[in-house]
Amino acid sequence: MSSVGEDCNELKQQYDACFNSWFSERFLKGQTDDSACAPIFRVYQECVKRAIKDKKINLREEDPIFETSSDEDNANSSDGQQEQKGKS
């Protein structure tokens, strides 16, 4: 499968190769430290974020899993502040 951005395809292939190697050679043998692929993952992740932004893809519209709890937390905390003010 290709990456969301053409510019990210090579990075995706590098990360996939690293992950597959780590999974089969380390994880399945009980070594759970996944830091070996972290540097390439960060670079690939940034590339994907740029591609999503460049393509103007709004993940919140695509899948509710990308809704953040911070909006809900902010609403709850402002309600809580009003309740606390009313109790004083």
PDB file of N, CA and C in Angstrom:
ATOM      1  N   MET A   1       0.849  -1.174   0.000  1.00  0.00           N
ATOM      2  CA  MET A   1       0.000   0.000   0.000  1.00  0.00           C
ATOM      3  C   MET A   1       0.897   1.239   0.000  1.00  0.00           C
ATOM      4  N   SER A   2       0.503   2.205  -0.773  1.00  0.00           N
ATOM      5  CA  SER A   2       1.254   3.458  -0.857  1.00  0.00           C
ATOM      6  C   SER A   2       0.917   4.359   0.323  1.00  0.00           C
ATOM      7  N   SER A   3       1.774   5.318   0.546  1.00  0.00           N
ATOM      8  CA  SER A   3       1.542   6.305   1.588  1.00  0.00           C
ATOM      9  C   SER A   3       0.558   7.347   1.089  1.00  0.00           C
ATOM     10  N   VAL A   4       0.051   8.138   1.999  1.00  0.00           N
ATOM     11  CA  VAL A   4      -0.906   9.191   1.647  1.00  0.00           C
ATOM     12  C   VAL A   4      -0.270  10.249   0.751  1.00  0.00           C
ATOM     13  N   GLY A   5       1.029  10.404   0.850  1.00  0.00           N
ATOM     14  CA  GLY A   5       1.743  11.361   0.009  1.00  0.00           C
ATOM     15  C   GLY A   5       2.824  10.658  -0.788  1.00  0.00           C
ATOM     16  N   GLU A   6       2.896  10.941  -2.070  1.00  0.00           N
ATOM     17  CA  GLU A   6       3.899  10.297  -2.927  1.00  0.00           C
ATOM     18  C   GLU A   6       5.310  10.499  -2.391  1.00  0.00           C
ATOM     19  N   ASP A   7       5.576  11.675  -1.861  1.00  0.00           N
ATOM     20  CA  ASP A   7       6.906  11.973  -1.329  1.00  0.00           C
ATOM     21  C   ASP A   7       7.259  11.087  -0.133  1.00  0.00           C
ATOM     22  N   CYS A   8       6.257  10.468   0.475  1.00  0.00           N
ATOM     23  CA  CYS A   8       6.469   9.665   1.685  1.00  0.00           C
ATOM     24  C   CYS A   8       6.647   8.179   1.379  1.00  0.00           C
ATOM     25  N   ASN A   9       6.471   7.766   0.132  1.00  0.00           N
ATOM     26  CA  ASN A   9       6.507   6.340  -0.186  1.00  0.00           C
ATOM     27  C   ASN A   9       7.826   5.669   0.177  1.00  0.00           C
ATOM     28  N   GLU A  10       8.934   6.318  -0.128  1.00  0.00           N
ATOM     29  CA  GLU A  10      10.233   5.716   0.189  1.00  0.00           C
ATOM     30  C   GLU A  10      10.421   5.606   1.707  1.00  0.00           C
ATOM     31  N   LEU A  11      10.004   6.640   2.429  1.00  0.00           N
ATOM     32  CA  LEU A  11      10.092   6.603   3.891  1.00  0.00           C
ATOM     33  C   LEU A  11       9.209   5.492   4.456  1.00  0.00           C
ATOM     34  N   LYS A  12       8.035   5.332   3.866  1.00  0.00           N
ATOM     35  CA  LYS A  12       7.136   4.261   4.305  1.00  0.00           C
ATOM     36  C   LYS A  12       7.780   2.901   4.090  1.00  0.00           C
ATOM     37  N   GLN A  13       8.393   2.700   2.948  1.00  0.00           N
ATOM     38  CA  GLN A  13       9.059   1.432   2.665  1.00  0.00           C
ATOM     39  C   GLN A  13      10.190   1.176   3.657  1.00  0.00           C
ATOM     40  N   GLN A  14      10.948   2.214   3.974  1.00  0.00           N
ATOM     41  CA  GLN A  14      12.041   2.074   4.949  1.00  0.00           C
ATOM     42  C   GLN A  14      11.493   1.711   6.325  1.00  0.00           C
ATOM     43  N   TYR A  15      10.425   2.414   6.729  1.00  0.00           N
ATOM     44  CA  TYR A  15       9.835   2.126   8.040  1.00  0.00           C
ATOM     45  C   TYR A  15       9.234   0.723   8.064  1.00  0.00           C
ATOM     46  N   ASP A  16       8.508   0.352   7.015  1.00  0.00           N
ATOM     47  CA  ASP A  16       7.910  -0.985   6.961  1.00  0.00           C
ATOM     48  C   ASP A  16       8.985  -2.067   7.068  1.00  0.00           C
ATOM     49  N   ALA A  17      10.095  -1.881   6.350  1.00  0.00           N
ATOM     50  CA  ALA A  17      11.186  -2.855   6.399  1.00  0.00           C
ATOM     51  C   ALA A  17      11.770  -2.940   7.809  1.00  0.00           C
ATOM     52  N   CYS A  18      11.971  -1.792   8.435  1.00  0.00           N
ATOM     53  CA  CYS A  18      12.501  -1.757   9.794  1.00  0.00           C
ATOM     54  C   CYS A  18      11.536  -2.449  10.755  1.00  0.00           C
ATOM     55  N   PHE A  19      10.266  -2.099  10.664  1.00  0.00           N
ATOM     56  CA  PHE A  19       9.262  -2.676  11.554  1.00  0.00           C
ATOM     57  C   PHE A  19       9.176  -4.190  11.370  1.00  0.00           C
ATOM     58  N   ASN A  20       9.102  -4.647  10.124  1.00  0.00           N
ATOM     59  CA  ASN A  20       8.992  -6.078   9.864  1.00  0.00           C
ATOM     60  C   ASN A  20      10.199  -6.837  10.409  1.00  0.00           C
ATOM     61  N   SER A  21      11.372  -6.252  10.244  1.00  0.00           N
ATOM     62  CA  SER A  21      12.588  -6.865  10.771  1.00  0.00           C
ATOM     63  C   SER A  21      12.541  -6.914  12.297  1.00  0.00           C
ATOM     64  N   TRP A  22      12.199  -5.794  12.927  1.00  0.00           N
ATOM     65  CA  TRP A  22      12.098  -5.740  14.387  1.00  0.00           C
ATOM     66  C   TRP A  22      11.073  -6.745  14.897  1.00  0.00           C
ATOM     67  N   PHE A  23       9.919  -6.789  14.244  1.00  0.00           N
ATOM     68  CA  PHE A  23       8.839  -7.663  14.697  1.00  0.00           C
ATOM     69  C   PHE A  23       9.263  -9.131  14.650  1.00  0.00           C
ATOM     70  N   SER A  24       9.824  -9.543  13.518  1.00  0.00           N
ATOM     71  CA  SER A  24      10.162 -10.962  13.369  1.00  0.00           C
ATOM     72  C   SER A  24      11.442 -11.357  14.110  1.00  0.00           C
ATOM     73  N   GLU A  25      12.411 -10.473  14.159  1.00  0.00           N
ATOM     74  CA  GLU A  25      13.703 -10.821  14.740  1.00  0.00           C
ATOM     75  C   GLU A  25      13.826 -10.487  16.224  1.00  0.00           C
ATOM     76  N   ARG A  26      12.990  -9.603  16.718  1.00  0.00           N
ATOM     77  CA  ARG A  26      13.107  -9.206  18.127  1.00  0.00           C
ATOM     78  C   ARG A  26      11.817  -9.431  18.906  1.00  0.00           C
ATOM     79  N   PHE A  27      10.731  -8.799  18.458  1.00  0.00           N
ATOM     80  CA  PHE A  27       9.479  -8.841  19.217  1.00  0.00           C
ATOM     81  C   PHE A  27       9.000 -10.277  19.437  1.00  0.00           C
ATOM     82  N   LEU A  28       9.010 -11.080  18.386  1.00  0.00           N
ATOM     83  CA  LEU A  28       8.541 -12.457  18.518  1.00  0.00           C
ATOM     84  C   LEU A  28       9.455 -13.308  19.387  1.00  0.00           C
ATOM     85  N   LYS A  29      10.627 -12.791  19.688  1.00  0.00           N
ATOM     86  CA  LYS A  29      11.564 -13.487  20.573  1.00  0.00           C
ATOM     87  C   LYS A  29      11.572 -12.875  21.966  1.00  0.00           C
ATOM     88  N   GLY A  30      10.591 -12.005  22.245  1.00  0.00           N
ATOM     89  CA  GLY A  30      10.428 -11.451  23.577  1.00  0.00           C
ATOM     90  C   GLY A  30      11.089 -10.116  23.828  1.00  0.00           C
ATOM     91  N   GLN A  31      11.748  -9.547  22.837  1.00  0.00           N
ATOM     92  CA  GLN A  31      12.384  -8.237  23.006  1.00  0.00           C
ATOM     93  C   GLN A  31      11.393  -7.162  22.549  1.00  0.00           C
ATOM     94  N   THR A  32      10.821  -6.459  23.496  1.00  0.00           N
ATOM     95  CA  THR A  32       9.753  -5.513  23.173  1.00  0.00           C
ATOM     96  C   THR A  32      10.220  -4.076  22.961  1.00  0.00           C
ATOM     97  N   ASP A  33      11.493  -3.803  23.122  1.00  0.00           N
ATOM     98  CA  ASP A  33      12.008  -2.446  22.899  1.00  0.00           C
ATOM     99  C   ASP A  33      11.906  -2.114  21.412  1.00  0.00           C
ATOM    100  N   ASP A  34      11.014  -1.182  21.090  1.00  0.00           N
ATOM    101  CA  ASP A  34      10.778  -0.831  19.686  1.00  0.00           C
ATOM    102  C   ASP A  34      11.486   0.451  19.258  1.00  0.00           C
ATOM    103  N   SER A  35      12.478   0.869  20.001  1.00  0.00           N
ATOM    104  CA  SER A  35      13.149   2.138  19.715  1.00  0.00           C
ATOM    105  C   SER A  35      14.020   2.100  18.458  1.00  0.00           C
ATOM    106  N   ALA A  36      14.341   0.925  17.954  1.00  0.00           N
ATOM    107  CA  ALA A  36      15.215   0.826  16.775  1.00  0.00           C
ATOM    108  C   ALA A  36      14.623   1.529  15.558  1.00  0.00           C
ATOM    109  N   CYS A  37      13.314   1.505  15.422  1.00  0.00           N
ATOM    110  CA  CYS A  37      12.654   2.099  14.254  1.00  0.00           C
ATOM    111  C   CYS A  37      12.106   3.501  14.525  1.00  0.00           C
ATOM    112  N   ALA A  38      12.244   3.960  15.754  1.00  0.00           N
ATOM    113  CA  ALA A  38      11.666   5.250  16.137  1.00  0.00           C
ATOM    114  C   ALA A  38      12.157   6.426  15.300  1.00  0.00           C
ATOM    115  N   PRO A  39      13.453   6.527  14.989  1.00  0.00           N
ATOM    116  CA  PRO A  39      13.897   7.690  14.203  1.00  0.00           C
ATOM    117  C   PRO A  39      13.264   7.753  12.803  1.00  0.00           C
ATOM    118  N   ILE A  40      13.212   6.627  12.112  1.00  0.00           N
ATOM    119  CA  ILE A  40      12.613   6.638  10.770  1.00  0.00           C
ATOM    120  C   ILE A  40      11.101   6.833  10.868  1.00  0.00           C
ATOM    121  N   PHE A  41      10.488   6.309  11.941  1.00  0.00           N
ATOM    122  CA  PHE A  41       9.061   6.519  12.124  1.00  0.00           C
ATOM    123  C   PHE A  41       8.744   7.998  12.282  1.00  0.00           C
ATOM    124  N   ARG A  42       9.545   8.720  13.076  1.00  0.00           N
ATOM    125  CA  ARG A  42       9.300  10.160  13.281  1.00  0.00           C
ATOM    126  C   ARG A  42       9.391  10.928  11.964  1.00  0.00           C
ATOM    127  N   VAL A  43      10.392  10.608  11.153  1.00  0.00           N
ATOM    128  CA  VAL A  43      10.559  11.284   9.864  1.00  0.00           C
ATOM    129  C   VAL A  43       9.371  10.957   8.955  1.00  0.00           C
ATOM    130  N   TYR A  44       8.999   9.689   8.917  1.00  0.00           N
ATOM    131  CA  TYR A  44       7.858   9.277   8.095  1.00  0.00           C
ATOM    132  C   TYR A  44       6.571   9.931   8.589  1.00  0.00           C
ATOM    133  N   GLN A  45       6.378   9.974   9.890  1.00  0.00           N
ATOM    134  CA  GLN A  45       5.184  10.584  10.471  1.00  0.00           C
ATOM    135  C   GLN A  45       5.074  12.061  10.094  1.00  0.00           C
ATOM    136  N   GLU A  46       6.177  12.789  10.154  1.00  0.00           N
ATOM    137  CA  GLU A  46       6.164  14.201   9.772  1.00  0.00           C
ATOM    138  C   GLU A  46       5.816  14.359   8.293  1.00  0.00           C
ATOM    139  N   CYS A  47       6.336  13.477   7.463  1.00  0.00           N
ATOM    140  CA  CYS A  47       6.026  13.516   6.035  1.00  0.00           C
ATOM    141  C   CYS A  47       4.528  13.294   5.809  1.00  0.00           C
ATOM    142  N   VAL A  48       3.953  12.328   6.513  1.00  0.00           N
ATOM    143  CA  VAL A  48       2.525  12.041   6.387  1.00  0.00           C
ATOM    144  C   VAL A  48       1.701  13.237   6.864  1.00  0.00           C
ATOM    145  N   LYS A  49       2.104  13.842   7.961  1.00  0.00           N
ATOM    146  CA  LYS A  49       1.380  15.021   8.463  1.00  0.00           C
ATOM    147  C   LYS A  49       1.399  16.149   7.436  1.00  0.00           C
ATOM    148  N   ARG A  50       2.564  16.361   6.800  1.00  0.00           N
ATOM    149  CA  ARG A  50       2.649  17.399   5.753  1.00  0.00           C
ATOM    150  C   ARG A  50       1.734  17.061   4.581  1.00  0.00           C
ATOM    151  N   ALA A  51       1.732  15.796   4.174  1.00  0.00           N
ATOM    152  CA  ALA A  51       0.906  15.380   3.043  1.00  0.00           C
ATOM    153  C   ALA A  51      -0.578  15.569   3.349  1.00  0.00           C
ATOM    154  N   ILE A  52      -0.981  15.234   4.558  1.00  0.00           N
ATOM    155  CA  ILE A  52      -2.376  15.410   4.968  1.00  0.00           C
ATOM    156  C   ILE A  52      -2.742  16.883   4.941  1.00  0.00           C
ATOM    157  N   LYS A  53      -1.843  17.718   5.445  1.00  0.00           N
ATOM    158  CA  LYS A  53      -2.087  19.159   5.453  1.00  0.00           C
ATOM    159  C   LYS A  53      -2.128  19.709   4.022  1.00  0.00           C
ATOM    160  N   ASP A  54      -1.173  19.292   3.186  1.00  0.00           N
ATOM    161  CA  ASP A  54      -1.121  19.766   1.800  1.00  0.00           C
ATOM    162  C   ASP A  54      -2.365  19.374   1.008  1.00  0.00           C
ATOM    163  N   LYS A  55      -2.892  18.194   1.308  1.00  0.00           N
ATOM    164  CA  LYS A  55      -4.083  17.713   0.599  1.00  0.00           C
ATOM    165  C   LYS A  55      -5.370  18.202   1.248  1.00  0.00           C
ATOM    166  N   LYS A  56      -5.202  18.978   2.323  1.00  0.00           N
ATOM    167  CA  LYS A  56      -6.340  19.540   3.053  1.00  0.00           C
ATOM    168  C   LYS A  56      -7.335  18.460   3.488  1.00  0.00           C
ATOM    169  N   ILE A  57      -6.779  17.372   4.021  1.00  0.00           N
ATOM    170  CA  ILE A  57      -7.601  16.282   4.530  1.00  0.00           C
ATOM    171  C   ILE A  57      -7.907  16.577   5.996  1.00  0.00           C
ATOM    172  N   ASN A  58      -9.189  16.652   6.306  1.00  0.00           N
ATOM    173  CA  ASN A  58      -9.611  16.889   7.682  1.00  0.00           C
ATOM    174  C   ASN A  58      -9.976  15.541   8.286  1.00  0.00           C
ATOM    175  N   LEU A  59      -9.094  15.008   9.120  1.00  0.00           N
ATOM    176  CA  LEU A  59      -9.311  13.687   9.682  1.00  0.00           C
ATOM    177  C   LEU A  59     -10.532  13.632  10.588  1.00  0.00           C
ATOM    178  N   ARG A  60     -10.872  14.711  11.210  1.00  0.00           N
ATOM    179  CA  ARG A  60     -12.055  14.725  12.078  1.00  0.00           C
ATOM    180  C   ARG A  60     -13.322  14.490  11.281  1.00  0.00           C
ATOM    181  N   GLU A  61     -13.349  14.946  10.036  1.00  0.00           N
ATOM    182  CA  GLU A  61     -14.509  14.709   9.188  1.00  0.00           C
ATOM    183  C   GLU A  61     -14.532  13.278   8.671  1.00  0.00           C
ATOM    184  N   GLU A  62     -13.363  12.667   8.533  1.00  0.00           N
ATOM    185  CA  GLU A  62     -13.254  11.327   7.964  1.00  0.00           C
ATOM    186  C   GLU A  62     -13.566  10.227   8.972  1.00  0.00           C
ATOM    187  N   ASP A  63     -13.138  10.406  10.205  1.00  0.00           N
ATOM    188  CA  ASP A  63     -13.284   9.346  11.195  1.00  0.00           C
ATOM    189  C   ASP A  63     -13.361   9.959  12.585  1.00  0.00           C
ATOM    190  N   PRO A  64     -14.409   9.652  13.332  1.00  0.00           N
ATOM    191  CA  PRO A  64     -14.569  10.262  14.662  1.00  0.00           C
ATOM    192  C   PRO A  64     -13.479   9.871  15.650  1.00  0.00           C
ATOM    193  N   ILE A  65     -12.677   8.864  15.340  1.00  0.00           N
ATOM    194  CA  ILE A  65     -11.591   8.483  16.244  1.00  0.00           C
ATOM    195  C   ILE A  65     -10.588   9.623  16.416  1.00  0.00           C
ATOM    196  N   PHE A  66     -10.539  10.544  15.455  1.00  0.00           N
ATOM    197  CA  PHE A  66      -9.592  11.650  15.520  1.00  0.00           C
ATOM    198  C   PHE A  66     -10.142  12.849  16.282  1.00  0.00           C
ATOM    199  N   GLU A  67     -11.347  12.729  16.800  1.00  0.00           N
ATOM    200  CA  GLU A  67     -11.872  13.781  17.665  1.00  0.00           C
ATOM    201  C   GLU A  67     -11.034  13.786  18.930  1.00  0.00           C
ATOM    202  N   THR A  68     -10.647  14.942  19.364  1.00  0.00           N
ATOM    203  CA  THR A  68      -9.821  15.007  20.570  1.00  0.00           C
ATOM    204  C   THR A  68     -10.703  15.236  21.783  1.00  0.00           C
ATOM    205  N   SER A  69     -10.264  14.738  22.892  1.00  0.00           N
ATOM    206  CA  SER A  69     -11.008  14.939  24.126  1.00  0.00           C
ATOM    207  C   SER A  69     -10.782  16.340  24.670  1.00  0.00           C
ATOM    208  N   SER A  70      -9.810  17.078  24.107  1.00  0.00           N
ATOM    209  CA  SER A  70      -9.515  18.409  24.637  1.00  0.00           C
ATOM    210  C   SER A  70     -10.701  19.353  24.457  1.00  0.00           C
ATOM    211  N   ASP A  71     -11.450  19.214  23.349  1.00  0.00           N
ATOM    212  CA  ASP A  71     -12.636  20.050  23.168  1.00  0.00           C
ATOM    213  C   ASP A  71     -13.652  19.737  24.257  1.00  0.00           C
ATOM    214  N   GLU A  72     -13.844  18.463  24.507  1.00  0.00           N
ATOM    215  CA  GLU A  72     -14.764  18.031  25.543  1.00  0.00           C
ATOM    216  C   GLU A  72     -14.258  18.435  26.921  1.00  0.00           C
ATOM    217  N   ASP A  73     -12.955  18.262  27.150  1.00  0.00           N
ATOM    218  CA  ASP A  73     -12.353  18.635  28.428  1.00  0.00           C
ATOM    219  C   ASP A  73     -12.516  20.131  28.685  1.00  0.00           C
ATOM    220  N   ASN A  74     -12.308  20.938  27.637  1.00  0.00           N
ATOM    221  CA  ASN A  74     -12.456  22.383  27.788  1.00  0.00           C
ATOM    222  C   ASN A  74     -13.886  22.747  28.164  1.00  0.00           C
ATOM    223  N   ALA A  75     -14.852  22.101  27.531  1.00  0.00           N
ATOM    224  CA  ALA A  75     -16.253  22.378  27.846  1.00  0.00           C
ATOM    225  C   ALA A  75     -16.555  21.973  29.278  1.00  0.00           C
ATOM    226  N   ASN A  76     -16.062  20.799  29.677  1.00  0.00           N
ATOM    227  CA  ASN A  76     -16.303  20.330  31.041  1.00  0.00           C
ATOM    228  C   ASN A  76     -15.622  21.209  32.071  1.00  0.00           C
ATOM    229  N   SER A  77     -14.406  21.648  31.777  1.00  0.00           N
ATOM    230  CA  SER A  77     -13.699  22.470  32.758  1.00  0.00           C
ATOM    231  C   SER A  77     -14.348  23.842  32.887  1.00  0.00           C
ATOM    232  N   SER A  78     -14.890  24.384  31.804  1.00  0.00           N
ATOM    233  CA  SER A  78     -15.552  25.685  31.931  1.00  0.00           C
ATOM    234  C   SER A  78     -16.858  25.527  32.703  1.00  0.00           C
ATOM    235  N   ASP A  79     -17.565  24.387  32.513  1.00  0.00           N
ATOM    236  CA  ASP A  79     -18.770  24.125  33.298  1.00  0.00           C
ATOM    237  C   ASP A  79     -18.407  23.985  34.772  1.00  0.00           C
ATOM    238  N   GLY A  80     -17.298  23.282  35.019  1.00  0.00           N
ATOM    239  CA  GLY A  80     -16.844  23.086  36.389  1.00  0.00           C
ATOM    240  C   GLY A  80     -16.486  24.397  37.047  1.00  0.00           C
ATOM    241  N   GLN A  81     -15.900  25.310  36.282  1.00  0.00           N
ATOM    242  CA  GLN A  81     -15.536  26.616  36.841  1.00  0.00           C
ATOM    243  C   GLN A  81     -16.791  27.397  37.202  1.00  0.00           C
ATOM    244  N   GLN A  82     -17.820  27.288  36.357  1.00  0.00           N
ATOM    245  CA  GLN A  82     -19.063  28.001  36.647  1.00  0.00           C
ATOM    246  C   GLN A  82     -19.717  27.430  37.898  1.00  0.00           C
ATOM    247  N   GLU A  83     -19.679  26.064  38.024  1.00  0.00           N
ATOM    248  CA  GLU A  83     -20.254  25.448  39.199  1.00  0.00           C
ATOM    249  C   GLU A  83     -19.516  25.880  40.451  1.00  0.00           C
ATOM    250  N   GLN A  84     -18.182  25.936  40.370  1.00  0.00           N
ATOM    251  CA  GLN A  84     -17.392  26.328  41.534  1.00  0.00           C
ATOM    252  C   GLN A  84     -17.685  27.775  41.901  1.00  0.00           C
ATOM    253  N   LYS A  85     -17.841  28.646  40.901  1.00  0.00           N
ATOM    254  CA  LYS A  85     -18.138  30.053  41.181  1.00  0.00           C
ATOM    255  C   LYS A  85     -19.499  30.174  41.848  1.00  0.00           C
ATOM    256  N   GLY A  86     -20.456  29.350  41.407  1.00  0.00           N
ATOM    257  CA  GLY A  86     -21.798  29.389  41.982  1.00  0.00           C
ATOM    258  C   GLY A  86     -21.819  28.908  43.414  1.00  0.00           C
ATOM    259  N   LYS A  87     -20.905  28.005  43.769  1.00  0.00           N
ATOM    260  CA  LYS A  87     -20.849  27.454  45.123  1.00  0.00           C
ATOM    261  C   LYS A  87     -20.163  28.393  46.091  1.00  0.00           C
ATOM    262  N   SER A  88     -19.355  29.330  45.619  1.00  0.00           N
ATOM    263  CA  SER A  88     -18.583  30.183  46.515  1.00  0.00           C
ATOM    264  C   SER A  88     -19.435  31.210  47.180  1.00  0.00           C
TER     265      SER A  88
END
